[in-house]
Amino acid sequence: QVQLVESGGGLVQAGGSLRLDCLVSKGTGVAFPMGWFRQVPGKEREFVAGLRWIEATPRYAESVKGRFAMFRNNTKNTLSLQMNSLESDDTAVYYCAARRSPFVPADDYDYWGRGTQVTVSS
């Protein structure tokens, strides 16, 4: 079974930065990390950033545009999310999302990581 591993979460002050990384655990299968979501307890998971296919330009939620940047390392098959100018509203569990195929446009995802907590203090 494909396992995605997120890292980089933690506690940061408002205005600070964090970088999240996602990889496919070795030996668990083939998948391509291509998106990030986040979720606050009691609320629905929301889209943060994603690629529709491997050569596409990342799309971002309006709430993070200009502050977050997502990028893939296609050689390593990893996905990163650089988060700058963090705000209290960015506090959430962040999930990496992956697809079985990166070669055709898609809006859905096949695999999800277990999440990494990002907490932004006021």
C-alpha atoms as a PDB file:
ATOM      1  CA  GLN A   1       0.000   0.000   0.000  1.00  0.00           C
ATOM      2  CA  VAL A   2       1.312   3.444  -0.941  1.00  0.00           C
ATOM      3  CA  GLN A   3       2.420   5.478   2.033  1.00  0.00           C
ATOM      4  CA  LEU A   4       3.046   9.194   1.856  1.00  0.00           C
ATOM      5  CA  VAL A   5       5.231  10.845   4.452  1.00  0.00           C
ATOM      6  CA  GLU A   6       4.942  14.532   5.255  1.00  0.00           C
ATOM      7  CA  SER A   7       7.527  16.444   7.207  1.00  0.00           C
ATOM      8  CA  GLY A   8       8.337  19.999   8.153  1.00  0.00           C
ATOM      9  CA  GLY A   9       5.395  20.923  10.299  1.00  0.00           C
ATOM     10  CA  GLY A  10       5.769  22.626  13.620  1.00  0.00           C
ATOM     11  CA  LEU A  11       5.133  25.722  15.647  1.00  0.00           C
ATOM     12  CA  VAL A  12       5.946  29.081  14.155  1.00  0.00           C
ATOM     13  CA  GLN A  13       5.140  32.680  14.967  1.00  0.00           C
ATOM     14  CA  ALA A  14       2.901  34.723  12.738  1.00  0.00           C
ATOM     15  CA  GLY A  15       4.904  36.114   9.867  1.00  0.00           C
ATOM     16  CA  GLY A  16       7.295  33.206   9.925  1.00  0.00           C
ATOM     17  CA  SER A  17       7.957  30.478   7.407  1.00  0.00           C
ATOM     18  CA  LEU A  18       7.892  26.718   7.181  1.00  0.00           C
ATOM     19  CA  ARG A  19       8.589  24.273   4.422  1.00  0.00           C
ATOM     20  CA  LEU A  20       6.667  21.056   4.138  1.00  0.00           C
ATOM     21  CA  ASP A  21       7.948  18.091   2.200  1.00  0.00           C
ATOM     22  CA  CYS A  22       6.272  14.946   0.989  1.00  0.00           C
ATOM     23  CA  LEU A  23       7.688  11.709  -0.291  1.00  0.00           C
ATOM     24  CA  VAL A  24       6.496   8.236  -1.129  1.00  0.00           C
ATOM     25  CA  SER A  25       7.829   5.807   1.406  1.00  0.00           C
ATOM     26  CA  LYS A  26      10.281   3.462  -0.249  1.00  0.00           C
ATOM     27  CA  GLY A  27       8.873   0.111  -1.167  1.00  0.00           C
ATOM     28  CA  THR A  28       5.235   0.976  -0.570  1.00  0.00           C
ATOM     29  CA  GLY A  29       4.264   1.500  -4.181  1.00  0.00           C
ATOM     30  CA  VAL A  30       4.279   3.964  -7.035  1.00  0.00           C
ATOM     31  CA  ALA A  31       2.613   7.324  -6.651  1.00  0.00           C
ATOM     32  CA  PHE A  32       3.248  10.929  -7.516  1.00  0.00           C
ATOM     33  CA  PRO A  33       2.727  13.603  -4.868  1.00  0.00           C
ATOM     34  CA  MET A  34       1.010  16.499  -6.562  1.00  0.00           C
ATOM     35  CA  GLY A  35      -1.032  18.447  -4.055  1.00  0.00           C
ATOM     36  CA  TRP A  36      -1.443  19.820  -0.556  1.00  0.00           C
ATOM     37  CA  PHE A  37      -4.582  20.134   1.513  1.00  0.00           C
ATOM     38  CA  ARG A  38      -5.237  21.211   5.062  1.00  0.00           C
ATOM     39  CA  GLN A  39      -7.881  20.622   7.660  1.00  0.00           C
ATOM     40  CA  VAL A  40      -8.937  22.198  10.926  1.00  0.00           C
ATOM     41  CA  PRO A  41     -10.840  20.052  13.448  1.00  0.00           C
ATOM     42  CA  GLY A  42     -14.553  20.338  12.876  1.00  0.00           C
ATOM     43  CA  LYS A  43     -14.158  21.709   9.383  1.00  0.00           C
ATOM     44  CA  GLU A  44     -13.858  20.222   5.930  1.00  0.00           C
ATOM     45  CA  ARG A  45     -10.535  19.588   4.323  1.00  0.00           C
ATOM     46  CA  GLU A  46      -9.608  22.400   1.979  1.00  0.00           C
ATOM     47  CA  PHE A  47      -7.417  22.664  -1.058  1.00  0.00           C
ATOM     48  CA  VAL A  48      -4.169  24.552  -0.626  1.00  0.00           C
ATOM     49  CA  ALA A  49      -2.080  23.954  -3.732  1.00  0.00           C
ATOM     50  CA  GLY A  50      -1.890  21.400  -6.486  1.00  0.00           C
ATOM     51  CA  LEU A  51      -0.745  20.342  -9.906  1.00  0.00           C
ATOM     52  CA  ARG A  52      -3.245  19.021 -12.412  1.00  0.00           C
ATOM     53  CA  TRP A  53      -0.475  17.144 -14.198  1.00  0.00           C
ATOM     54  CA  ILE A  54       3.270  16.897 -13.922  1.00  0.00           C
ATOM     55  CA  GLU A  55       4.172  19.738 -16.293  1.00  0.00           C
ATOM     56  CA  ALA A  56       1.481  22.105 -15.108  1.00  0.00           C
ATOM     57  CA  THR A  57       1.825  25.327 -13.211  1.00  0.00           C
ATOM     58  CA  PRO A  58       0.709  24.973  -9.602  1.00  0.00           C
ATOM     59  CA  ARG A  59      -2.680  26.302  -8.639  1.00  0.00           C
ATOM     60  CA  TYR A  60      -3.257  27.870  -5.250  1.00  0.00           C
ATOM     61  CA  ALA A  61      -6.140  28.607  -3.008  1.00  0.00           C
ATOM     62  CA  GLU A  62      -6.904  32.307  -2.952  1.00  0.00           C
ATOM     63  CA  SER A  63      -6.142  32.414   0.745  1.00  0.00           C
ATOM     64  CA  VAL A  64      -2.505  31.438   0.207  1.00  0.00           C
ATOM     65  CA  LYS A  65      -1.663  33.083  -3.108  1.00  0.00           C
ATOM     66  CA  GLY A  66       1.453  35.173  -2.879  1.00  0.00           C
ATOM     67  CA  ARG A  67       2.494  33.512   0.366  1.00  0.00           C
ATOM     68  CA  PHE A  68       2.856  29.819  -0.461  1.00  0.00           C
ATOM     69  CA  ALA A  69       4.800  28.190  -3.249  1.00  0.00           C
ATOM     70  CA  MET A  70       4.599  24.544  -4.203  1.00  0.00           C
ATOM     71  CA  PHE A  71       7.182  22.745  -6.259  1.00  0.00           C
ATOM     72  CA  ARG A  72       8.016  19.217  -7.299  1.00  0.00           C
ATOM     73  CA  ASN A  73      11.354  17.537  -7.574  1.00  0.00           C
ATOM     74  CA  ASN A  74      10.632  15.148 -10.392  1.00  0.00           C
ATOM     75  CA  THR A  75      13.946  13.352 -10.027  1.00  0.00           C
ATOM     76  CA  LYS A  76      13.278  12.522  -6.389  1.00  0.00           C
ATOM     77  CA  ASN A  77       9.506  12.398  -6.812  1.00  0.00           C
ATOM     78  CA  THR A  78       8.977  14.704  -3.887  1.00  0.00           C
ATOM     79  CA  LEU A  79       6.657  17.622  -3.346  1.00  0.00           C
ATOM     80  CA  SER A  80       7.347  20.671  -1.247  1.00  0.00           C
ATOM     81  CA  LEU A  81       5.287  23.548   0.038  1.00  0.00           C
ATOM     82  CA  GLN A  82       7.114  26.686   1.035  1.00  0.00           C
ATOM     83  CA  MET A  83       4.900  28.682   3.353  1.00  0.00           C
ATOM     84  CA  ASN A  84       5.787  32.287   4.031  1.00  0.00           C
ATOM     85  CA  SER A  85       4.096  35.093   5.916  1.00  0.00           C
ATOM     86  CA  LEU A  86       2.189  32.543   7.932  1.00  0.00           C
ATOM     87  CA  GLU A  87      -0.985  33.636   9.644  1.00  0.00           C
ATOM     88  CA  SER A  88      -3.015  32.225  12.494  1.00  0.00           C
ATOM     89  CA  ASP A  89      -5.609  31.043   9.993  1.00  0.00           C
ATOM     90  CA  ASP A  90      -2.980  28.815   8.415  1.00  0.00           C
ATOM     91  CA  THR A  91      -2.992  26.633  11.513  1.00  0.00           C
ATOM     92  CA  ALA A  92      -4.133  23.194  10.424  1.00  0.00           C
ATOM     93  CA  VAL A  93      -3.058  19.678   9.710  1.00  0.00           C
ATOM     94  CA  TYR A  94      -1.511  19.654   6.276  1.00  0.00           C
ATOM     95  CA  TYR A  95      -1.902  16.610   4.052  1.00  0.00           C
ATOM     96  CA  CYS A  96       0.061  15.567   1.041  1.00  0.00           C
ATOM     97  CA  ALA A  97      -1.962  14.118  -1.821  1.00  0.00           C
ATOM     98  CA  ALA A  98      -0.718  11.907  -4.625  1.00  0.00           C
ATOM     99  CA  ARG A  99      -1.938  10.381  -7.848  1.00  0.00           C
ATOM    100  CA  ARG A 100      -1.290   7.085  -9.523  1.00  0.00           C
ATOM    101  CA  SER A 101      -0.536   8.866 -12.778  1.00  0.00           C
ATOM    102  CA  PRO A 102       0.991  12.311 -13.297  1.00  0.00           C
ATOM    103  CA  PHE A 103       0.624  12.336 -17.069  1.00  0.00           C
ATOM    104  CA  VAL A 104      -2.984  13.330 -17.597  1.00  0.00           C
ATOM    105  CA  PRO A 105      -4.870  16.291 -16.152  1.00  0.00           C
ATOM    106  CA  ALA A 106      -6.879  15.508 -13.072  1.00  0.00           C
ATOM    107  CA  ASP A 107      -8.437  17.208 -10.089  1.00  0.00           C
ATOM    108  CA  ASP A 108      -8.781  14.229  -7.793  1.00  0.00           C
ATOM    109  CA  TYR A 109      -6.187  12.317  -5.806  1.00  0.00           C
ATOM    110  CA  ASP A 110      -5.654   8.659  -5.067  1.00  0.00           C
ATOM    111  CA  TYR A 111      -3.504   8.674  -1.943  1.00  0.00           C
ATOM    112  CA  TRP A 112      -3.219  10.789   1.169  1.00  0.00           C
ATOM    113  CA  GLY A 113      -0.575  11.220   3.793  1.00  0.00           C
ATOM    114  CA  ARG A 114      -1.265  11.087   7.492  1.00  0.00           C
ATOM    115  CA  GLY A 115      -0.701  14.797   7.885  1.00  0.00           C
ATOM    116  CA  THR A 116       1.667  17.131   9.640  1.00  0.00           C
ATOM    117  CA  GLN A 117       0.590  19.767  12.124  1.00  0.00           C
ATOM    118  CA  VAL A 118       1.300  23.409  11.420  1.00  0.00           C
ATOM    119  CA  THR A 119       0.587  25.781  14.261  1.00  0.00           C
ATOM    120  CA  VAL A 120       0.970  29.516  13.842  1.00  0.00           C
ATOM    121  CA  SER A 121       1.002  31.533  17.028  1.00  0.00           C
ATOM    122  CA  SER A 122      -0.349  35.053  17.167  1.00  0.00           C
END
